[in-house]
Protein backbone atom coordinates (compact mmCIF):
# COMPACT_ATOMS: atom_id res chain seq x y z
CA UNK A 1 24.37 1.63 10.10
CA UNK A 2 23.17 -1.56 11.79
CA UNK A 3 22.76 -4.60 9.57
CA UNK A 4 19.23 -5.61 8.65
CA UNK A 5 17.87 -8.27 10.98
CA UNK A 6 17.33 -11.61 9.28
CA UNK A 7 13.59 -11.76 10.00
CA UNK A 8 13.10 -8.38 8.30
CA UNK A 9 15.41 -8.92 5.34
CA UNK A 10 13.50 -12.03 4.31
CA UNK A 11 10.02 -10.50 4.33
CA UNK A 12 8.07 -11.35 1.22
CA UNK A 13 6.09 -8.86 -0.80
CA UNK A 14 2.92 -10.42 0.59
CA UNK A 15 4.09 -9.84 4.19
CA UNK A 16 4.91 -6.21 3.38
CA UNK A 17 1.48 -5.89 1.76
CA UNK A 18 -0.25 -7.24 4.85
CA UNK A 19 1.64 -4.81 7.10
CA UNK A 20 0.69 -1.96 4.75
CA UNK A 21 -2.99 -2.95 4.66
CA UNK A 22 -3.16 -3.37 8.45
CA UNK A 23 -1.58 0.05 8.99
CA UNK A 24 -3.90 1.61 6.41
CA UNK A 25 -6.96 0.19 8.12
CA UNK A 26 -5.74 1.43 11.51
CA UNK A 27 -5.37 4.89 9.92
CA UNK A 28 -8.90 4.80 8.47
CA UNK A 29 -7.99 4.42 4.78
CA UNK A 30 -10.96 3.90 2.47
CA UNK A 31 -11.55 1.59 -0.51
CA UNK A 32 -8.40 -0.53 -0.12
CA UNK A 33 -7.61 -2.68 -3.15
CA UNK A 34 -4.64 -5.06 -3.43
CA UNK A 35 -3.52 -5.99 -6.94
CA UNK A 36 -1.28 -9.01 -7.48
CA UNK A 37 1.25 -8.14 -10.20
CA UNK A 38 3.51 -11.18 -9.85
CA UNK A 39 4.31 -12.43 -13.33
CA UNK A 40 2.77 -9.31 -14.93
CA UNK A 41 5.26 -6.67 -13.86
CA UNK A 42 9.02 -6.59 -13.59
CA UNK A 43 9.11 -3.66 -11.16
CA UNK A 44 6.90 -4.87 -8.29
CA UNK A 45 4.82 -7.77 -7.01
CA UNK A 46 1.90 -5.91 -5.41
CA UNK A 47 0.04 -2.62 -5.63
CA UNK A 48 -1.95 -1.44 -2.65
CA UNK A 49 -4.38 1.32 -3.55
CA UNK A 50 -6.40 3.32 -1.06
CA UNK A 51 -8.20 6.62 -0.67
CA UNK A 52 -8.01 9.36 1.90
CA UNK A 53 -10.75 11.86 2.74
CA UNK A 54 -8.48 14.93 2.48
CA UNK A 55 -4.97 15.87 1.47
CA UNK A 56 -4.01 15.81 5.17
CA UNK A 57 -5.47 12.32 5.51
CA UNK A 58 -3.52 11.16 2.43
CA UNK A 59 -0.31 12.56 3.91
CA UNK A 60 -1.11 10.96 7.27
CA UNK A 61 -1.70 7.57 5.65
CA UNK A 62 1.64 7.81 3.83
CA UNK A 63 3.40 8.78 7.05
CA UNK A 64 1.79 5.94 9.01
CA UNK A 65 2.74 3.34 6.39
CA UNK A 66 6.29 4.65 6.06
CA UNK A 67 6.73 4.76 9.85
CA UNK A 68 5.40 1.24 10.37
CA UNK A 69 7.55 -0.29 7.65
CA UNK A 70 10.59 1.70 8.78
CA UNK A 71 10.09 0.26 12.28
CA UNK A 72 10.48 -3.13 10.59
CA UNK A 73 13.66 -1.79 8.93
CA UNK A 74 12.05 -1.53 5.50
CA UNK A 75 12.51 1.81 3.73
CA UNK A 76 10.90 3.07 0.58
CA UNK A 77 13.10 3.29 -2.48
CA UNK A 78 11.17 6.17 -3.99
CA UNK A 79 8.33 8.47 -2.95
CA UNK A 80 6.30 11.03 -4.87
CA UNK A 81 3.49 13.42 -4.04
CA UNK A 82 4.07 13.72 -0.31
CA UNK A 83 3.96 17.51 -0.32
CA UNK A 84 0.79 17.88 -2.39
CA UNK A 85 -1.19 15.02 -0.81
CA UNK A 86 -3.31 14.33 -3.89
CA UNK A 87 -1.62 11.10 -5.02
CA UNK A 88 1.23 9.69 -2.93
CA UNK A 89 3.29 6.84 -4.31
CA UNK A 90 5.56 4.87 -1.98
CA UNK A 91 7.81 2.31 -3.67
CA UNK A 92 9.06 -0.41 -1.32
CA UNK A 93 10.35 -2.67 -4.09
CA UNK A 94 8.07 -5.72 -3.96
CA UNK A 95 5.24 -3.41 -2.86
CA UNK A 96 4.12 -0.11 -4.36
CA UNK A 97 1.50 1.83 -2.44
CA UNK A 98 -0.77 4.40 -4.12
CA UNK A 99 -2.64 6.70 -1.76
CA UNK A 100 -5.16 8.94 -3.49
CA UNK A 101 -7.22 11.89 -2.44
CA UNK A 102 -10.68 10.44 -2.85
CA UNK A 103 -11.68 12.66 -5.80
CA UNK A 104 -8.50 11.99 -7.81
CA UNK A 105 -8.55 8.19 -7.70
CA UNK A 106 -11.20 7.76 -10.39
CA UNK A 107 -9.42 10.19 -12.69
CA UNK A 108 -6.15 8.20 -12.72
CA UNK A 109 -7.94 4.79 -12.73
CA UNK A 110 -4.98 2.60 -11.76
CA UNK A 111 -7.39 -0.31 -11.24
CA UNK A 112 -8.53 0.09 -14.84
CA UNK A 113 -4.97 0.11 -16.17
CA UNK A 114 -4.31 -3.20 -14.40
CA UNK A 115 -7.75 -4.73 -14.98
CA UNK A 116 -6.16 -8.06 -16.07
CA UNK A 117 -4.31 -8.49 -12.78
CA UNK A 118 -5.93 -10.51 -9.99
CA UNK A 119 -7.12 -8.78 -6.84
CA UNK A 120 -6.30 -10.23 -3.46
CA UNK A 121 -9.29 -10.90 -1.26
CA UNK A 122 -10.09 -12.18 2.23
CA UNK A 123 -8.63 -15.66 1.64
CA UNK A 124 -5.33 -14.14 0.51
CA UNK A 125 -5.15 -11.44 3.18
CA UNK A 126 -7.26 -12.22 6.27
CA UNK A 127 -6.94 -8.59 7.41
CA UNK A 128 -9.28 -7.63 4.54
CA UNK A 129 -11.98 -9.91 5.98
CA UNK A 130 -11.72 -8.11 9.32
CA UNK A 131 -12.16 -4.76 7.59
CA UNK A 132 -15.25 -5.89 5.71
CA UNK A 133 -16.80 -7.25 8.91
CA UNK A 134 -16.42 -3.85 10.54
CA UNK A 135 -18.27 -2.10 7.69
């Protein structure tokens, strides 16, 4: 296996989050929320939550994110729910992505569980500003 290039091995959780959000927007994800868990969680720095319109869309979002990060030589450590497409979790270490089928997101209420954690907005991730301008 080739060694990890220096520019990829030193990517911060925030850089991974921005790549994930950009890819999600390109793949038409809905209701993207970024939760900053630094200092609140020992297992990750950021959650990116998003919704898909169908189970196929959820699976497509997961595939697009995984492919884009893999092209940057970043692989997920753990994945769940890929087959069912209702709630896909991709764990990239400093970033954990939750991709929900639109109707299941409210039921699991991840945002509610982490209501104390700050949300990143346009000043933190400029890509979010671009998305809001398009809507």
